[in-house]
Every structure is written in structure tokens, then in C-alpha cells.
Amino acid sequence: MLTARPDVEIVAPEAHRDLVAERAGVARRERRSASTTGRTVSAGGFSFTAVPAAHEEIERDAQGRMLHLGYVVRCGPFTLYHAGDTIP
């Protein structure tokens, strides 16, 4: 639950937006949790660019949205890559 930090923004795959909101205990519209491949969103001074991630293969939901994403995260002069939900 995000009651302790109501200002926290969530960045997660659009395909899991409802699940993320449910698990965080917030209404779907209250938090940013919509990222799709190639899209960049900003939160808390960071920018997150979604890139495809896979287990053994790329998986998509019924609407064609990626189920697993990695993120290129930028803050000031720093950039890092978070592999997300993937298998090497």
C-alpha cells in the first residue's frame, strides 16, 4: 500500500497496469503505470524508457502489449539499464 508515500509514482508495463494498481492498493488512475516499448515517462526526476524483455521468448497480451519490459533509466548525467523481468 502506498499510504505512507502518496506522492510515489509507479512505472510498470501497461499490460500489467490493473495488477500493479491492485497490488499497490491504489486506483488505476492515481498512479502513472503505463509504459510501452520505446515510450519514455518521467517520475521523481528520473526518465524511464521501456525496452523489450523476454523469458525464453517475447510475450504479449491480447492487445499486443509487451508483458515484460526492461528500462533505460536516466537521471542527470547518469544512465543505467534495468533488465526487468527477464531470463539471461
C-alpha atoms as a PDB file:
ATOM      1  CA  MET A   1       0.000   0.000   0.000  1.00  0.00           C
ATOM      2  CA  LEU A   2       1.223   3.481  -0.805  1.00  0.00           C
ATOM      3  CA  THR A   3      -0.475   5.279   2.074  1.00  0.00           C
ATOM      4  CA  ALA A   4       2.901   6.102   3.654  1.00  0.00           C
ATOM      5  CA  ARG A   5       4.116   7.782   0.437  1.00  0.00           C
ATOM      6  CA  PRO A   6       1.137   9.124  -1.513  1.00  0.00           C
ATOM      7  CA  ASP A   7       3.493  11.045  -3.831  1.00  0.00           C
ATOM      8  CA  VAL A   8       5.179   7.893  -5.206  1.00  0.00           C
ATOM      9  CA  GLU A   9       4.702   7.307  -8.928  1.00  0.00           C
ATOM     10  CA  ILE A  10       4.802   3.788 -10.343  1.00  0.00           C
ATOM     11  CA  VAL A  11       6.278   2.934 -13.719  1.00  0.00           C
ATOM     12  CA  ALA A  12       5.350  -0.535 -14.979  1.00  0.00           C
ATOM     13  CA  PRO A  13       4.250  -2.242 -18.205  1.00  0.00           C
ATOM     14  CA  GLU A  14       0.877  -1.033 -19.488  1.00  0.00           C
ATOM     15  CA  ALA A  15      -0.160  -4.681 -19.842  1.00  0.00           C
ATOM     16  CA  HIS A  16       0.046  -5.018 -16.032  1.00  0.00           C
ATOM     17  CA  ARG A  17      -1.453  -1.638 -15.100  1.00  0.00           C
ATOM     18  CA  ASP A  18      -4.521  -3.047 -13.311  1.00  0.00           C
ATOM     19  CA  LEU A  19      -2.471  -5.662 -11.436  1.00  0.00           C
ATOM     20  CA  VAL A  20       0.053  -3.038 -10.301  1.00  0.00           C
ATOM     21  CA  ALA A  21      -2.692  -0.714  -9.058  1.00  0.00           C
ATOM     22  CA  GLU A  22      -4.405  -3.577  -7.228  1.00  0.00           C
ATOM     23  CA  ARG A  23      -1.211  -4.746  -5.515  1.00  0.00           C
ATOM     24  CA  ALA A  24      -0.245  -1.176  -4.578  1.00  0.00           C
ATOM     25  CA  GLY A  25      -3.711  -0.575  -3.173  1.00  0.00           C
ATOM     26  CA  VAL A  26      -4.472   2.460  -5.346  1.00  0.00           C
ATOM     27  CA  ALA A  27      -6.981   3.324  -8.031  1.00  0.00           C
ATOM     28  CA  ARG A  28      -5.674   2.688 -11.536  1.00  0.00           C
ATOM     29  CA  ARG A  29      -5.857   6.369 -12.498  1.00  0.00           C
ATOM     30  CA  GLU A  30      -3.974   7.602  -9.407  1.00  0.00           C
ATOM     31  CA  ARG A  31      -0.502   6.449 -10.414  1.00  0.00           C
ATOM     32  CA  ARG A  32       1.448   6.536 -13.629  1.00  0.00           C
ATOM     33  CA  SER A  33       1.983   2.914 -14.539  1.00  0.00           C
ATOM     34  CA  ALA A  34       1.774   2.954 -18.278  1.00  0.00           C
ATOM     35  CA  SER A  35       4.897   2.171 -20.192  1.00  0.00           C
ATOM     36  CA  THR A  36       5.188   0.513 -23.550  1.00  0.00           C
ATOM     37  CA  THR A  37       8.186  -0.369 -25.679  1.00  0.00           C
ATOM     38  CA  GLY A  38      10.022   2.745 -26.829  1.00  0.00           C
ATOM     39  CA  ARG A  39       7.984   5.135 -24.694  1.00  0.00           C
ATOM     40  CA  THR A  40       9.718   7.364 -22.170  1.00  0.00           C
ATOM     41  CA  VAL A  41       7.968   8.517 -18.996  1.00  0.00           C
ATOM     42  CA  SER A  42       9.313  10.710 -16.207  1.00  0.00           C
ATOM     43  CA  ALA A  43       8.847  10.285 -12.478  1.00  0.00           C
ATOM     44  CA  GLY A  44      10.677  11.703  -9.488  1.00  0.00           C
ATOM     45  CA  GLY A  45      13.418  13.354 -11.535  1.00  0.00           C
ATOM     46  CA  PHE A  46      14.170  10.165 -13.472  1.00  0.00           C
ATOM     47  CA  SER A  47      13.235   9.215 -17.030  1.00  0.00           C
ATOM     48  CA  PHE A  48      12.373   5.624 -17.897  1.00  0.00           C
ATOM     49  CA  THR A  49      12.499   4.335 -21.466  1.00  0.00           C
ATOM     50  CA  ALA A  50      10.865   0.940 -21.886  1.00  0.00           C
ATOM     51  CA  VAL A  51      12.690  -1.705 -23.943  1.00  0.00           C
ATOM     52  CA  PRO A  52      11.614  -5.280 -24.746  1.00  0.00           C
ATOM     53  CA  ALA A  53      12.492  -8.028 -22.270  1.00  0.00           C
ATOM     54  CA  ALA A  54      11.853 -11.739 -22.604  1.00  0.00           C
ATOM     55  CA  HIS A  55      11.935 -15.014 -20.824  1.00  0.00           C
ATOM     56  CA  GLU A  56      12.566 -17.705 -23.415  1.00  0.00           C
ATOM     57  CA  GLU A  57      10.567 -15.630 -25.896  1.00  0.00           C
ATOM     58  CA  ILE A  58       8.786 -12.289 -26.223  1.00  0.00           C
ATOM     59  CA  GLU A  59       5.298 -12.467 -24.689  1.00  0.00           C
ATOM     60  CA  ARG A  60       2.385 -10.122 -25.396  1.00  0.00           C
ATOM     61  CA  ASP A  61      -1.116  -9.737 -24.010  1.00  0.00           C
ATOM     62  CA  ALA A  62      -4.309  -9.944 -26.099  1.00  0.00           C
ATOM     63  CA  GLN A  63      -3.894  -6.279 -27.107  1.00  0.00           C
ATOM     64  CA  GLY A  64      -0.322  -6.909 -28.324  1.00  0.00           C
ATOM     65  CA  ARG A  65       1.354  -5.114 -25.406  1.00  0.00           C
ATOM     66  CA  MET A  66       4.655  -6.453 -24.054  1.00  0.00           C
ATOM     67  CA  LEU A  67       4.242  -8.433 -20.838  1.00  0.00           C
ATOM     68  CA  HIS A  68       7.892  -7.960 -19.814  1.00  0.00           C
ATOM     69  CA  LEU A  69       9.950  -4.801 -20.121  1.00  0.00           C
ATOM     70  CA  GLY A  70      13.404  -3.599 -19.200  1.00  0.00           C
ATOM     71  CA  TYR A  71      14.159   0.075 -18.650  1.00  0.00           C
ATOM     72  CA  VAL A  72      16.863   2.537 -19.600  1.00  0.00           C
ATOM     73  CA  VAL A  73      16.845   4.878 -16.603  1.00  0.00           C
ATOM     74  CA  ARG A  74      18.323   8.378 -16.814  1.00  0.00           C
ATOM     75  CA  CYS A  75      18.922  10.930 -14.077  1.00  0.00           C
ATOM     76  CA  GLY A  76      21.141  13.926 -14.736  1.00  0.00           C
ATOM     77  CA  PRO A  77      24.370  12.725 -16.370  1.00  0.00           C
ATOM     78  CA  PHE A  78      23.794   9.099 -15.336  1.00  0.00           C
ATOM     79  CA  THR A  79      22.225   6.277 -17.347  1.00  0.00           C
ATOM     80  CA  LEU A  80      21.662   2.679 -16.288  1.00  0.00           C
ATOM     81  CA  TYR A  81      19.845  -0.318 -17.655  1.00  0.00           C
ATOM     82  CA  HIS A  82      17.443  -2.398 -15.570  1.00  0.00           C
ATOM     83  CA  ALA A  83      16.806  -5.736 -17.290  1.00  0.00           C
ATOM     84  CA  GLY A  84      13.348  -6.046 -15.747  1.00  0.00           C
ATOM     85  CA  ASP A  85      11.574  -9.391 -15.740  1.00  0.00           C
ATOM     86  CA  THR A  86      13.858 -11.395 -17.981  1.00  0.00           C
ATOM     87  CA  ILE A  87      15.989 -14.513 -18.123  1.00  0.00           C
ATOM     88  CA  PRO A  88      19.615 -14.266 -19.311  1.00  0.00           C
END
